[in-house]
């Protein structure tokens, strides 16, 4: 009504209120009433903006490459940017009067391309493929010190290169070269692994042989110890046998001496008996045998006398016609024999 309007800005927008060519109010997220016929509003966005890019450049070895990435920036000096580009809002505040706000991102992308081109033309394709991080750092440093972005009141927040790709033919050639290198590395790794396996197997064999040698050495030491023990036992046994044999020899010597002594005693005893018998025989040599028999029978028992009588009868049986022996005599002889038993 009557041209009086109300305006409220977002916290991420910096608004400048101009009246008669002079800024009467400014700030982020401000709210105010204004008279539309003599007031101009300028709104500069303060939020960060992510702008993707993709360039096609040539490396120092004349290889076509495609660089894909993203740049992030924000407005650091909104009044400076508002003085260089038109960010004036329409009278109703619904949009911008010009297309300058849409040109801000391409200006930043162009600045990135300029810095990238100068770096890409000084490096070979393989260097670019290997050193993308170094390339990003170099471009970021150049953009921060570049006059174009700083003059617009912008601040570079981040720069990322997502991919650096050669053309398909070059990519296939590089893939073939890299593939061969990978295959060679795989062959080298296989060779190294086999050599390592052989070395490990040799070490295992050596350890096994050393273990067997140690085991055989221990066995030999055990056998030698057992043999020494057996030798010591045999020596002890031989000493015992020698002592036993010496004892037996000594005993046999004593038995021999005892036997010799017994034989001598027996010989002397026999000589004494022979001498005594010889003296007796010499004494009775001239005596009648019957007298001697009578003398001997005189000291014998009656049964012996009867037996001697029967012997005499038997010797003179041819001279005896008839011999009668009474039962009483036989009974008497039998009783005497039974009594002796």
C-alpha atoms as a PDB file:
ATOM      1  CA  UNK A   1       0.000   0.000   0.000  1.00  0.00           C
ATOM      2  CA  UNK A   2       1.254   3.451  -0.985  1.00  0.00           C
ATOM      3  CA  UNK A   3       4.635   1.780  -1.986  1.00  0.00           C
ATOM      4  CA  UNK A   4       5.625   0.792   1.574  1.00  0.00           C
ATOM      5  CA  UNK A   5       6.934  -2.742   1.739  1.00  0.00           C
ATOM      6  CA  UNK A   6       8.475  -5.080   4.359  1.00  0.00           C
ATOM      7  CA  UNK A   7      11.669  -7.018   3.668  1.00  0.00           C
ATOM      8  CA  UNK A   8      13.284  -9.727   5.739  1.00  0.00           C
ATOM      9  CA  UNK A   9      16.622 -11.290   4.664  1.00  0.00           C
ATOM     10  CA  UNK A  10      17.951 -14.770   5.386  1.00  0.00           C
ATOM     11  CA  UNK A  11      20.924 -15.085   7.744  1.00  0.00           C
ATOM     12  CA  UNK A  12      22.991 -16.291   4.801  1.00  0.00           C
ATOM     13  CA  UNK A  13      22.303 -13.169   2.738  1.00  0.00           C
ATOM     14  CA  UNK A  14      23.992  -9.805   3.102  1.00  0.00           C
ATOM     15  CA  UNK A  15      21.502  -7.012   2.262  1.00  0.00           C
ATOM     16  CA  UNK A  16      22.280  -3.380   1.441  1.00  0.00           C
ATOM     17  CA  UNK A  17      19.456  -0.808   1.474  1.00  0.00           C
ATOM     18  CA  UNK A  18      20.139   2.138  -0.829  1.00  0.00           C
ATOM     19  CA  UNK A  19      18.144   5.365  -0.841  1.00  0.00           C
ATOM     20  CA  UNK A  20      19.005   8.143  -3.259  1.00  0.00           C
ATOM     21  CA  UNK A  21      22.339   6.394  -4.058  1.00  0.00           C
ATOM     22  CA  UNK A  22      23.449   6.022  -0.453  1.00  0.00           C
ATOM     23  CA  UNK A  23      23.476   2.859   1.727  1.00  0.00           C
ATOM     24  CA  UNK A  24      21.236   3.565   4.669  1.00  0.00           C
ATOM     25  CA  UNK A  25      21.082   0.049   6.093  1.00  0.00           C
ATOM     26  CA  UNK A  26      23.095  -3.130   5.603  1.00  0.00           C
ATOM     27  CA  UNK A  27      23.763  -6.460   7.262  1.00  0.00           C
ATOM     28  CA  UNK A  28      23.075 -10.196   7.207  1.00  0.00           C
ATOM     29  CA  UNK A  29      19.577 -11.349   8.042  1.00  0.00           C
ATOM     30  CA  UNK A  30      18.189  -7.819   8.588  1.00  0.00           C
ATOM     31  CA  UNK A  31      14.493  -6.931   8.454  1.00  0.00           C
ATOM     32  CA  UNK A  32      13.015  -3.499   7.705  1.00  0.00           C
ATOM     33  CA  UNK A  33      10.303  -1.489   5.968  1.00  0.00           C
ATOM     34  CA  UNK A  34      11.174   0.507   2.893  1.00  0.00           C
ATOM     35  CA  UNK A  35       9.543   2.809   0.416  1.00  0.00           C
ATOM     36  CA  UNK A  36       9.799   1.085  -2.939  1.00  0.00           C
ATOM     37  CA  UNK A  37       9.792   4.082  -5.295  1.00  0.00           C
ATOM     38  CA  UNK A  38      13.049   5.551  -3.929  1.00  0.00           C
ATOM     39  CA  UNK A  39      14.746   2.452  -2.411  1.00  0.00           C
ATOM     40  CA  UNK A  40      16.989  -0.148  -4.001  1.00  0.00           C
ATOM     41  CA  UNK A  41      17.829  -3.467  -2.336  1.00  0.00           C
ATOM     42  CA  UNK A  42      21.040  -5.432  -2.987  1.00  0.00           C
ATOM     43  CA  UNK A  43      21.293  -9.029  -1.716  1.00  0.00           C
ATOM     44  CA  UNK A  44      24.614 -10.872  -1.821  1.00  0.00           C
ATOM     45  CA  UNK A  45      24.539 -14.591  -0.844  1.00  0.00           C
ATOM     46  CA  UNK A  46      27.055 -15.487   1.873  1.00  0.00           C
ATOM     47  CA  UNK A  47      26.729 -19.274   1.805  1.00  0.00           C
ATOM     48  CA  UNK A  48      29.426 -21.370   0.212  1.00  0.00           C
ATOM     49  CA  UNK A  49      28.860 -22.584  -3.324  1.00  0.00           C
ATOM     50  CA  UNK A  50      30.085 -25.855  -4.863  1.00  0.00           C
ATOM     51  CA  UNK A  51      30.718 -25.572  -8.588  1.00  0.00           C
ATOM     52  CA  UNK A  52      31.725 -28.662 -10.608  1.00  0.00           C
ATOM     53  CA  UNK A  53      33.966 -28.303 -13.626  1.00  0.00           C
ATOM     54  CA  UNK A  54      35.396 -30.415 -16.440  1.00  0.00           C
ATOM     55  CA  UNK A  55      38.175 -29.171 -18.715  1.00  0.00           C
ATOM     56  CA  UNK A  56      39.858 -30.650 -21.750  1.00  0.00           C
ATOM     57  CA  UNK A  57      43.527 -29.691 -21.894  1.00  0.00           C
ATOM     58  CA  UNK A  58      46.834 -30.826 -23.403  1.00  0.00           C
ATOM     59  CA  UNK A  59      49.855 -32.011 -21.408  1.00  0.00           C
ATOM     60  CA  UNK A  60      53.478 -31.142 -22.156  1.00  0.00           C
ATOM     61  CA  UNK A  61      53.848 -34.348 -24.190  1.00  0.00           C
ATOM     62  CA  UNK A  62      50.849 -33.317 -26.329  1.00  0.00           C
ATOM     63  CA  UNK A  63      48.385 -35.777 -24.864  1.00  0.00           C
ATOM     64  CA  UNK A  64      44.715 -34.840 -24.603  1.00  0.00           C
ATOM     65  CA  UNK A  65      43.470 -35.090 -21.034  1.00  0.00           C
ATOM     66  CA  UNK A  66      40.179 -34.417 -19.317  1.00  0.00           C
ATOM     67  CA  UNK A  67      40.252 -32.872 -15.849  1.00  0.00           C
ATOM     68  CA  UNK A  68      37.156 -33.240 -13.698  1.00  0.00           C
ATOM     69  CA  UNK A  69      36.752 -31.625 -10.303  1.00  0.00           C
ATOM     70  CA  UNK A  70      34.930 -29.216  -8.045  1.00  0.00           C
ATOM     71  CA  UNK A  71      35.670 -25.781  -6.580  1.00  0.00           C
ATOM     72  CA  UNK A  72      34.093 -24.400  -3.402  1.00  0.00           C
ATOM     73  CA  UNK A  73      34.047 -20.661  -2.636  1.00  0.00           C
ATOM     74  CA  UNK A  74      32.114 -18.031  -0.715  1.00  0.00           C
ATOM     75  CA  UNK A  75      31.698 -14.279  -0.658  1.00  0.00           C
ATOM     76  CA  UNK A  76      34.085 -12.799   1.864  1.00  0.00           C
ATOM     77  CA  UNK A  77      33.519  -9.077   1.032  1.00  0.00           C
ATOM     78  CA  UNK A  78      29.859  -8.645  -0.009  1.00  0.00           C
ATOM     79  CA  UNK A  79      30.085  -4.859  -0.416  1.00  0.00           C
ATOM     80  CA  UNK A  80      33.066  -5.241  -2.762  1.00  0.00           C
ATOM     81  CA  UNK A  81      31.225  -7.812  -4.861  1.00  0.00           C
ATOM     82  CA  UNK A  82      28.072  -5.688  -4.881  1.00  0.00           C
ATOM     83  CA  UNK A  83      30.109  -2.766  -6.264  1.00  0.00           C
ATOM     84  CA  UNK A  84      31.512  -4.900  -9.109  1.00  0.00           C
ATOM     85  CA  UNK A  85      28.485  -6.989 -10.074  1.00  0.00           C
ATOM     86  CA  UNK A  86      24.782  -6.279 -10.081  1.00  0.00           C
ATOM     87  CA  UNK A  87      23.008  -8.107  -7.245  1.00  0.00           C
ATOM     88  CA  UNK A  88      20.061  -5.647  -7.119  1.00  0.00           C
ATOM     89  CA  UNK A  89      16.700  -7.192  -6.289  1.00  0.00           C
ATOM     90  CA  UNK A  90      13.496  -6.472  -8.103  1.00  0.00           C
ATOM     91  CA  UNK A  91      11.097  -3.972  -6.607  1.00  0.00           C
ATOM     92  CA  UNK A  92       9.037  -6.723  -5.001  1.00  0.00           C
ATOM     93  CA  UNK A  93      12.192  -8.529  -3.753  1.00  0.00           C
ATOM     94  CA  UNK A  94      11.336 -11.739  -5.609  1.00  0.00           C
ATOM     95  CA  UNK A  95      14.474 -11.980  -7.744  1.00  0.00           C
ATOM     96  CA  UNK A  96      17.473 -10.243  -9.281  1.00  0.00           C
ATOM     97  CA  UNK A  97      17.199  -7.562 -11.931  1.00  0.00           C
ATOM     98  CA  UNK A  98      20.199  -8.860 -13.922  1.00  0.00           C
ATOM     99  CA  UNK A  99      21.891 -12.177 -14.630  1.00  0.00           C
ATOM    100  CA  UNK A 100      25.173 -11.158 -12.948  1.00  0.00           C
ATOM    101  CA  UNK A 101      24.611 -13.533 -10.002  1.00  0.00           C
ATOM    102  CA  UNK A 102      24.609 -16.449 -12.435  1.00  0.00           C
ATOM    103  CA  UNK A 103      27.929 -15.278 -13.897  1.00  0.00           C
ATOM    104  CA  UNK A 104      29.768 -15.515 -10.592  1.00  0.00           C
ATOM    105  CA  UNK A 105      30.358 -19.263 -10.694  1.00  0.00           C
ATOM    106  CA  UNK A 106      31.660 -19.293 -14.306  1.00  0.00           C
ATOM    107  CA  UNK A 107      34.136 -16.536 -13.406  1.00  0.00           C
ATOM    108  CA  UNK A 108      35.534 -18.710 -10.625  1.00  0.00           C
ATOM    109  CA  UNK A 109      35.644 -21.751 -12.907  1.00  0.00           C
ATOM    110  CA  UNK A 110      37.472 -19.751 -15.547  1.00  0.00           C
ATOM    111  CA  UNK A 111      40.037 -18.675 -12.980  1.00  0.00           C
ATOM    112  CA  UNK A 112      40.544 -22.329 -11.993  1.00  0.00           C
ATOM    113  CA  UNK A 113      40.943 -23.339 -15.645  1.00  0.00           C
ATOM    114  CA  UNK A 114      43.551 -20.657 -16.266  1.00  0.00           C
ATOM    115  CA  UNK A 115      45.674 -21.844 -13.349  1.00  0.00           C
ATOM    116  CA  UNK A 116      45.214 -25.486 -14.262  1.00  0.00           C
ATOM    117  CA  UNK A 117      46.160 -24.929 -17.878  1.00  0.00           C
ATOM    118  CA  UNK A 118      49.439 -23.284 -16.980  1.00  0.00           C
ATOM    119  CA  UNK A 119      50.322 -26.224 -14.733  1.00  0.00           C
ATOM    120  CA  UNK A 120      49.101 -28.958 -17.073  1.00  0.00           C
ATOM    121  CA  UNK A 121      51.171 -27.688 -19.966  1.00  0.00           C
ATOM    122  CA  UNK A 122      54.325 -28.049 -17.899  1.00  0.00           C
ATOM    123  CA  UNK A 123      53.866 -31.719 -16.949  1.00  0.00           C
ATOM    124  CA  UNK A 124      53.713 -34.972 -18.862  1.00  0.00           C
ATOM    125  CA  UNK A 125      50.673 -37.214 -18.842  1.00  0.00           C
ATOM    126  CA  UNK A 126      52.216 -39.801 -16.552  1.00  0.00           C
ATOM    127  CA  UNK A 127      53.310 -37.093 -14.108  1.00  0.00           C
ATOM    128  CA  UNK A 128      49.772 -35.699 -14.036  1.00  0.00           C
ATOM    129  CA  UNK A 129      48.298 -39.139 -13.436  1.00  0.00           C
ATOM    130  CA  UNK A 130      50.708 -39.764 -10.570  1.00  0.00           C
ATOM    131  CA  UNK A 131      50.779 -36.276  -8.990  1.00  0.00           C
ATOM    132  CA  UNK A 132      47.148 -35.189  -8.814  1.00  0.00           C
ATOM    133  CA  UNK A 133      47.462 -34.178  -5.146  1.00  0.00           C
ATOM    134  CA  UNK A 134      50.450 -31.957  -5.858  1.00  0.00           C
ATOM    135  CA  UNK A 135      48.544 -30.426  -8.757  1.00  0.00           C
ATOM    136  CA  UNK A 136      45.598 -29.600  -6.494  1.00  0.00           C
ATOM    137  CA  UNK A 137      47.841 -27.921  -3.918  1.00  0.00           C
ATOM    138  CA  UNK A 138      49.591 -25.867  -6.579  1.00  0.00           C
ATOM    139  CA  UNK A 139      46.318 -24.646  -8.127  1.00  0.00           C
ATOM    140  CA  UNK A 140      44.858 -23.837  -4.714  1.00  0.00           C
ATOM    141  CA  UNK A 141      47.882 -21.753  -3.782  1.00  0.00           C
ATOM    142  CA  UNK A 142      47.735 -19.861  -7.075  1.00  0.00           C
ATOM    143  CA  UNK A 143      44.007 -19.161  -6.763  1.00  0.00           C
ATOM    144  CA  UNK A 144      44.395 -17.801  -3.252  1.00  0.00           C
ATOM    145  CA  UNK A 145      47.011 -15.360  -4.436  1.00  0.00           C
ATOM    146  CA  UNK A 146      45.333 -14.590  -7.751  1.00  0.00           C
ATOM    147  CA  UNK A 147      44.081 -11.006  -8.174  1.00  0.00           C
ATOM    148  CA  UNK A 148      40.877 -11.943 -10.002  1.00  0.00           C
ATOM    149  CA  UNK A 149      39.162 -13.865  -7.211  1.00  0.00           C
ATOM    150  CA  UNK A 150      40.395 -11.617  -4.420  1.00  0.00           C
ATOM    151  CA  UNK A 151      39.332  -8.518  -6.376  1.00  0.00           C
ATOM    152  CA  UNK A 152      35.761  -9.822  -6.528  1.00  0.00           C
ATOM    153  CA  UNK A 153      35.703 -10.204  -2.757  1.00  0.00           C
ATOM    154  CA  UNK A 154      35.611 -14.010  -2.963  1.00  0.00           C
ATOM    155  CA  UNK A 155      37.406 -16.594  -0.800  1.00  0.00           C
ATOM    156  CA  UNK A 156      38.456 -20.011  -2.088  1.00  0.00           C
ATOM    157  CA  UNK A 157      37.479 -22.680   0.424  1.00  0.00           C
ATOM    158  CA  UNK A 158      38.344 -25.915  -1.341  1.00  0.00           C
ATOM    159  CA  UNK A 159      39.474 -27.393  -4.629  1.00  0.00           C
ATOM    160  CA  UNK A 160      39.222 -31.028  -5.565  1.00  0.00           C
ATOM    161  CA  UNK A 161      40.290 -32.807  -8.731  1.00  0.00           C
ATOM    162  CA  UNK A 162      38.168 -35.916  -9.020  1.00  0.00           C
ATOM    163  CA  UNK A 163      39.717 -37.395 -12.157  1.00  0.00           C
ATOM    164  CA  UNK A 164      42.404 -36.823 -14.778  1.00  0.00           C
ATOM    165  CA  UNK A 165      41.659 -38.997 -17.793  1.00  0.00           C
ATOM    166  CA  UNK A 166      43.551 -39.372 -21.083  1.00  0.00           C
ATOM    167  CA  UNK A 167      41.782 -40.116 -24.353  1.00  0.00           C
ATOM    168  CA  UNK A 168      40.644 -43.743 -24.847  1.00  0.00           C
ATOM    169  CA  UNK A 169      43.530 -44.740 -27.170  1.00  0.00           C
ATOM    170  CA  UNK A 170      46.139 -43.345 -24.802  1.00  0.00           C
ATOM    171  CA  UNK A 171      44.353 -44.904 -21.857  1.00  0.00           C
ATOM    172  CA  UNK A 172      44.458 -48.328 -23.530  1.00  0.00           C
ATOM    173  CA  UNK A 173      48.154 -47.883 -24.276  1.00  0.00           C
ATOM    174  CA  UNK A 174      48.830 -46.862 -20.695  1.00  0.00           C
ATOM    175  CA  UNK A 175      46.720 -49.733 -19.466  1.00  0.00           C
ATOM    176  CA  UNK A 176      48.748 -52.120 -21.612  1.00  0.00           C
ATOM    177  CA  UNK A 177      51.999 -50.655 -20.303  1.00  0.00           C
ATOM    178  CA  UNK A 178      50.774 -50.716 -16.726  1.00  0.00           C
ATOM    179  CA  UNK A 179      49.384 -54.200 -17.268  1.00  0.00           C
ATOM    180  CA  UNK A 180      52.774 -55.390 -18.436  1.00  0.00           C
ATOM    181  CA  UNK A 181      54.407 -53.742 -15.453  1.00  0.00           C
ATOM    182  CA  UNK A 182      51.866 -55.339 -13.149  1.00  0.00           C
ATOM    183  CA  UNK A 183      52.425 -58.725 -14.794  1.00  0.00           C
ATOM    184  CA  UNK A 184      56.174 -58.233 -14.468  1.00  0.00           C
ATOM    185  CA  UNK A 185      55.724 -57.282 -10.832  1.00  0.00           C
ATOM    186  CA  UNK A 186      53.504 -60.328 -10.380  1.00  0.00           C
ATOM    187  CA  UNK A 187      56.194 -62.504 -12.003  1.00  0.00           C
ATOM    188  CA  UNK A 188      58.815 -60.889  -9.800  1.00  0.00           C
ATOM    189  CA  UNK A 189      56.596 -61.446  -6.775  1.00  0.00           C
ATOM    190  CA  UNK A 190      56.080 -65.081  -7.793  1.00  0.00           C
ATOM    191  CA  UNK A 191      59.817 -65.501  -8.298  1.00  0.00           C
ATOM    192  CA  UNK A 192      60.516 -63.838  -4.968  1.00  0.00           C
ATOM    193  CA  UNK A 193      57.870 -65.950  -3.276  1.00  0.00           C
ATOM    194  CA  UNK A 194      59.306 -69.132  -4.781  1.00  0.00           C
ATOM    195  CA  UNK A 195      62.804 -68.134  -3.760  1.00  0.00           C
ATOM    196  CA  UNK A 196      61.510 -67.358  -0.303  1.00  0.00           C
ATOM    197  CA  UNK A 197      59.719 -70.707  -0.192  1.00  0.00           C
ATOM    198  CA  UNK A 198      62.915 -72.456  -1.333  1.00  0.00           C
ATOM    199  CA  UNK A 199      64.948 -70.599   1.284  1.00  0.00           C
ATOM    200  CA  UNK A 200      62.408 -71.432   3.955  1.00  0.00           C
ATOM    201  CA  UNK A 201      62.340 -75.071   2.859  1.00  0.00           C
ATOM    202  CA  UNK A 202      66.133 -75.162   2.897  1.00  0.00           C
ATOM    203  CA  UNK A 203      66.115 -73.623   6.365  1.00  0.00           C
ATOM    204  CA  UNK A 204      63.553 -76.197   7.472  1.00  0.00           C
ATOM    205  CA  UNK A 205      65.673 -79.020   6.004  1.00  0.00           C
ATOM    206  CA  UNK A 206      68.757 -77.657   7.721  1.00  0.00           C
ATOM    207  CA  UNK A 207      66.862 -77.438  10.983  1.00  0.00           C
ATOM    208  CA  UNK A 208      65.630 -81.002  10.520  1.00  0.00           C
ATOM    209  CA  UNK A 209      69.157 -82.211   9.732  1.00  0.00           C
ATOM    210  CA  UNK A 210      70.555 -80.294  12.695  1.00  0.00           C
ATOM    211  CA  UNK A 211      67.839 -81.806  14.855  1.00  0.00           C
ATOM    212  CA  UNK A 212      68.623 -85.302  13.572  1.00  0.00           C
ATOM    213  CA  UNK A 213      72.337 -84.714  14.161  1.00  0.00           C
ATOM    214  CA  UNK A 214      71.596 -83.509  17.677  1.00  0.00           C
ATOM    215  CA  UNK A 215      69.339 -86.526  18.275  1.00  0.00           C
ATOM    216  CA  UNK A 216      71.986 -88.932  16.960  1.00  0.00           C
ATOM    217  CA  UNK A 217      74.613 -87.206  19.091  1.00  0.00           C
ATOM    218  CA  UNK A 218      72.383 -87.608  22.140  1.00  0.00           C
ATOM    219  CA  UNK A 219      71.739 -91.244  21.224  1.00  0.00           C
ATOM    220  CA  UNK A 220      75.484 -91.832  20.839  1.00  0.00           C
ATOM    221  CA  UNK A 221      76.099 -90.188  24.191  1.00  0.00           C
ATOM    222  CA  UNK A 222      73.373 -92.350  25.722  1.00  0.00           C
ATOM    223  CA  UNK A 223      74.876 -95.497  24.146  1.00  0.00           C
ATOM    224  CA  UNK A 224      78.337 -94.521  25.342  1.00  0.00           C
ATOM    225  CA  UNK A 225      76.961 -93.899  28.813  1.00  0.00           C
ATOM    226  CA  UNK A 226      75.170 -97.266  28.730  1.00  0.00           C
ATOM    227  CA  UNK A 227      78.338 -98.980  27.503  1.00  0.00           C
ATOM    228  CA  UNK A 228      80.357 -97.302  30.232  1.00  0.00           C
ATOM    229  CA  UNK A 229      77.780 -98.464  32.753  1.00  0.00           C
ATOM    230  CA  UNK A 230      77.841-102.007  31.327  1.00  0.00           C
ATOM    231  CA  UNK A 231      81.649-101.939  31.323  1.00  0.00           C
ATOM    232  CA  UNK A 232      81.623-100.848  34.937  1.00  0.00           C
ATOM    233  CA  UNK A 233      79.155-103.637  35.771  1.00  0.00           C
ATOM    234  CA  UNK A 234      81.284-106.182  33.893  1.00  0.00           C
ATOM    235  CA  UNK A 235      84.388-104.961  35.677  1.00  0.00           C
ATOM    236  CA  UNK A 236      82.619-105.258  39.017  1.00  0.00           C
ATOM    237  CA  UNK A 237      81.313-108.680  38.047  1.00  0.00           C
ATOM    238  CA  UNK A 238      84.774-109.752  36.890  1.00  0.00           C
ATOM    239  CA  UNK A 239      86.237-108.503  40.150  1.00  0.00           C
ATOM    240  CA  UNK A 240      83.571-110.457  42.038  1.00  0.00           C
ATOM    241  CA  UNK A 241      84.275-113.560  39.922  1.00  0.00           C
ATOM    242  CA  UNK A 242      88.007-113.134  40.430  1.00  0.00           C
ATOM    243  CA  UNK A 243      87.451-112.767  44.147  1.00  0.00           C
ATOM    244  CA  UNK A 244      85.156-115.806  44.087  1.00  0.00           C
ATOM    245  CA  UNK A 245      87.682-117.781  42.048  1.00  0.00           C
ATOM    246  CA  UNK A 246      90.465-116.727  44.360  1.00  0.00           C
ATOM    247  CA  UNK A 247      88.321-117.835  47.297  1.00  0.00           C
ATOM    248  CA  UNK A 248      87.611-121.180  45.622  1.00  0.00           C
ATOM    249  CA  UNK A 249      91.294-121.624  44.781  1.00  0.00           C
ATOM    250  CA  UNK A 250      92.173-120.830  48.341  1.00  0.00           C
ATOM    251  CA  UNK A 251      89.479-123.239  49.530  1.00  0.00           C
ATOM    252  CA  UNK A 252      90.713-125.947  47.178  1.00  0.00           C
ATOM    253  CA  UNK A 253      94.225-125.375  48.428  1.00  0.00           C
ATOM    254  CA  UNK A 254      92.949-125.747  51.965  1.00  0.00           C
ATOM    255  CA  UNK A 255      90.942-128.840  50.913  1.00  0.00           C
ATOM    256  CA  UNK A 256      94.054-130.208  49.248  1.00  0.00           C
ATOM    257  CA  UNK A 257      96.041-129.596  52.375  1.00  0.00           C
ATOM    258  CA  UNK A 258      93.211-131.133  54.442  1.00  0.00           C
ATOM    259  CA  UNK A 259      92.986-134.140  52.105  1.00  0.00           C
ATOM    260  CA  UNK A 260      96.731-134.557  52.180  1.00  0.00           C
ATOM    261  CA  UNK A 261      96.603-134.347  55.945  1.00  0.00           C
ATOM    262  CA  UNK A 262      93.710-136.848  56.102  1.00  0.00           C
ATOM    263  CA  UNK A 263      95.484-139.167  53.667  1.00  0.00           C
ATOM    264  CA  UNK A 264      98.629-138.948  55.751  1.00  0.00           C
ATOM    265  CA  UNK A 265      96.655-139.614  58.919  1.00  0.00           C
ATOM    266  CA  UNK A 266      94.789-142.501  57.253  1.00  0.00           C
ATOM    267  CA  UNK A 267      98.052-143.870  55.948  1.00  0.00           C
ATOM    268  CA  UNK A 268      99.628-143.631  59.340  1.00  0.00           C
ATOM    269  CA  UNK A 269      96.502-145.151  60.929  1.00  0.00           C
ATOM    270  CA  UNK A 270      96.513-147.958  58.361  1.00  0.00           C
ATOM    271  CA  UNK A 271     100.201-148.463  58.939  1.00  0.00           C
ATOM    272  CA  UNK A 272      99.550-148.596  62.654  1.00  0.00           C
ATOM    273  CA  UNK A 273      96.715-151.119  62.194  1.00  0.00           C
ATOM    274  CA  UNK A 274      98.789-153.120  59.774  1.00  0.00           C
ATOM    275  CA  UNK A 275     101.634-153.077  62.194  1.00  0.00           C
ATOM    276  CA  UNK A 276      99.352-154.130  65.057  1.00  0.00           C
ATOM    277  CA  UNK A 277      97.785-156.906  62.919  1.00  0.00           C
ATOM    278  CA  UNK A 278     101.196-158.015  61.781  1.00  0.00           C
ATOM    279  CA  UNK A 279     102.321-158.200  65.397  1.00  0.00           C
ATOM    280  CA  UNK A 280      99.184-160.173  66.293  1.00  0.00           C
ATOM    281  CA  UNK A 281      99.623-162.508  63.346  1.00  0.00           C
ATOM    282  CA  UNK A 282     103.232-162.946  64.211  1.00  0.00           C
ATOM    283  CA  UNK A 283     102.248-163.749  67.820  1.00  0.00           C
ATOM    284  CA  UNK A 284      99.592-166.315  66.906  1.00  0.00           C
ATOM    285  CA  UNK A 285     101.374-167.667  63.887  1.00  0.00           C
ATOM    286  CA  UNK A 286     102.462-170.859  65.709  1.00  0.00           C
ATOM    287  CA  UNK A 287      99.134-171.488  67.540  1.00  0.00           C
ATOM    288  CA  UNK A 288      96.794-174.255  66.410  1.00  0.00           C
ATOM    289  CA  UNK A 289      93.849-172.838  64.435  1.00  0.00           C
ATOM    290  CA  UNK A 290      91.421-174.836  66.451  1.00  0.00           C
ATOM    291  CA  UNK A 291      92.735-173.348  69.597  1.00  0.00           C
ATOM    292  CA  UNK A 292      92.271-169.905  68.164  1.00  0.00           C
ATOM    293  CA  UNK A 293      88.797-170.835  67.041  1.00  0.00           C
ATOM    294  CA  UNK A 294      87.944-172.092  70.465  1.00  0.00           C
ATOM    295  CA  UNK A 295      89.267-168.928  71.994  1.00  0.00           C
ATOM    296  CA  UNK A 296      87.136-166.841  69.699  1.00  0.00           C
ATOM    297  CA  UNK A 297      84.065-168.982  70.263  1.00  0.00           C
ATOM    298  CA  UNK A 298      84.432-168.689  73.945  1.00  0.00           C
ATOM    299  CA  UNK A 299      83.490-165.063  73.834  1.00  0.00           C
ATOM    300  CA  UNK A 300      80.501-165.486  71.518  1.00  0.00           C
ATOM    301  CA  UNK A 301      76.807-166.031  72.345  1.00  0.00           C
ATOM    302  CA  UNK A 302      75.172-169.560  72.374  1.00  0.00           C
ATOM    303  CA  UNK A 303      73.480-169.103  68.999  1.00  0.00           C
ATOM    304  CA  UNK A 304      76.809-168.414  67.368  1.00  0.00           C
ATOM    305  CA  UNK A 305      78.201-171.549  69.016  1.00  0.00           C
ATOM    306  CA  UNK A 306      75.262-173.589  67.743  1.00  0.00           C
ATOM    307  CA  UNK A 307      75.764-172.121  64.256  1.00  0.00           C
ATOM    308  CA  UNK A 308      79.412-173.066  64.431  1.00  0.00           C
ATOM    309  CA  UNK A 309      78.434-176.583  65.534  1.00  0.00           C
ATOM    310  CA  UNK A 310      76.061-176.898  62.607  1.00  0.00           C
ATOM    311  CA  UNK A 311      78.846-175.720  60.335  1.00  0.00           C
ATOM    312  CA  UNK A 312      81.075-178.435  61.663  1.00  0.00           C
ATOM    313  CA  UNK A 313      78.325-181.008  61.124  1.00  0.00           C
ATOM    314  CA  UNK A 314      77.899-179.751  57.597  1.00  0.00           C
ATOM    315  CA  UNK A 315      81.609-180.164  56.939  1.00  0.00           C
ATOM    316  CA  UNK A 316      81.444-183.785  58.205  1.00  0.00           C
ATOM    317  CA  UNK A 317      78.091-184.591  56.617  1.00  0.00           C
ATOM    318  CA  UNK A 318      79.602-187.477  54.704  1.00  0.00           C
ATOM    319  CA  UNK A 319      80.542-189.129  57.934  1.00  0.00           C
ATOM    320  CA  UNK A 320      77.138-188.743  59.592  1.00  0.00           C
ATOM    321  CA  UNK A 321      74.576-191.372  58.824  1.00  0.00           C
ATOM    322  CA  UNK A 322      71.495-189.783  60.413  1.00  0.00           C
ATOM    323  CA  UNK A 323      71.007-186.505  62.324  1.00  0.00           C
ATOM    324  CA  UNK A 324      67.931-185.869  64.459  1.00  0.00           C
ATOM    325  CA  UNK A 325      67.179-182.317  65.681  1.00  0.00           C
ATOM    326  CA  UNK A 326      64.383-181.951  68.220  1.00  0.00           C
ATOM    327  CA  UNK A 327      61.758-179.276  67.813  1.00  0.00           C
ATOM    328  CA  UNK A 328      62.607-177.896  71.226  1.00  0.00           C
ATOM    329  CA  UNK A 329      66.135-177.110  69.976  1.00  0.00           C
ATOM    330  CA  UNK A 330      64.814-175.293  66.909  1.00  0.00           C
ATOM    331  CA  UNK A 331      62.297-173.424  69.030  1.00  0.00           C
ATOM    332  CA  UNK A 332      65.013-172.458  71.444  1.00  0.00           C
ATOM    333  CA  UNK A 333      67.191-171.174  68.593  1.00  0.00           C
ATOM    334  CA  UNK A 334      64.279-169.227  67.096  1.00  0.00           C
ATOM    335  CA  UNK A 335      63.470-167.603  70.454  1.00  0.00           C
ATOM    336  CA  UNK A 336      67.013-166.537  70.897  1.00  0.00           C
ATOM    337  CA  UNK A 337      67.042-164.972  67.452  1.00  0.00           C
ATOM    338  CA  UNK A 338      63.672-163.261  68.039  1.00  0.00           C
ATOM    339  CA  UNK A 339      64.867-161.881  71.362  1.00  0.00           C
ATOM    340  CA  UNK A 340      67.922-160.393  69.697  1.00  0.00           C
ATOM    341  CA  UNK A 341      65.790-158.760  67.017  1.00  0.00           C
END
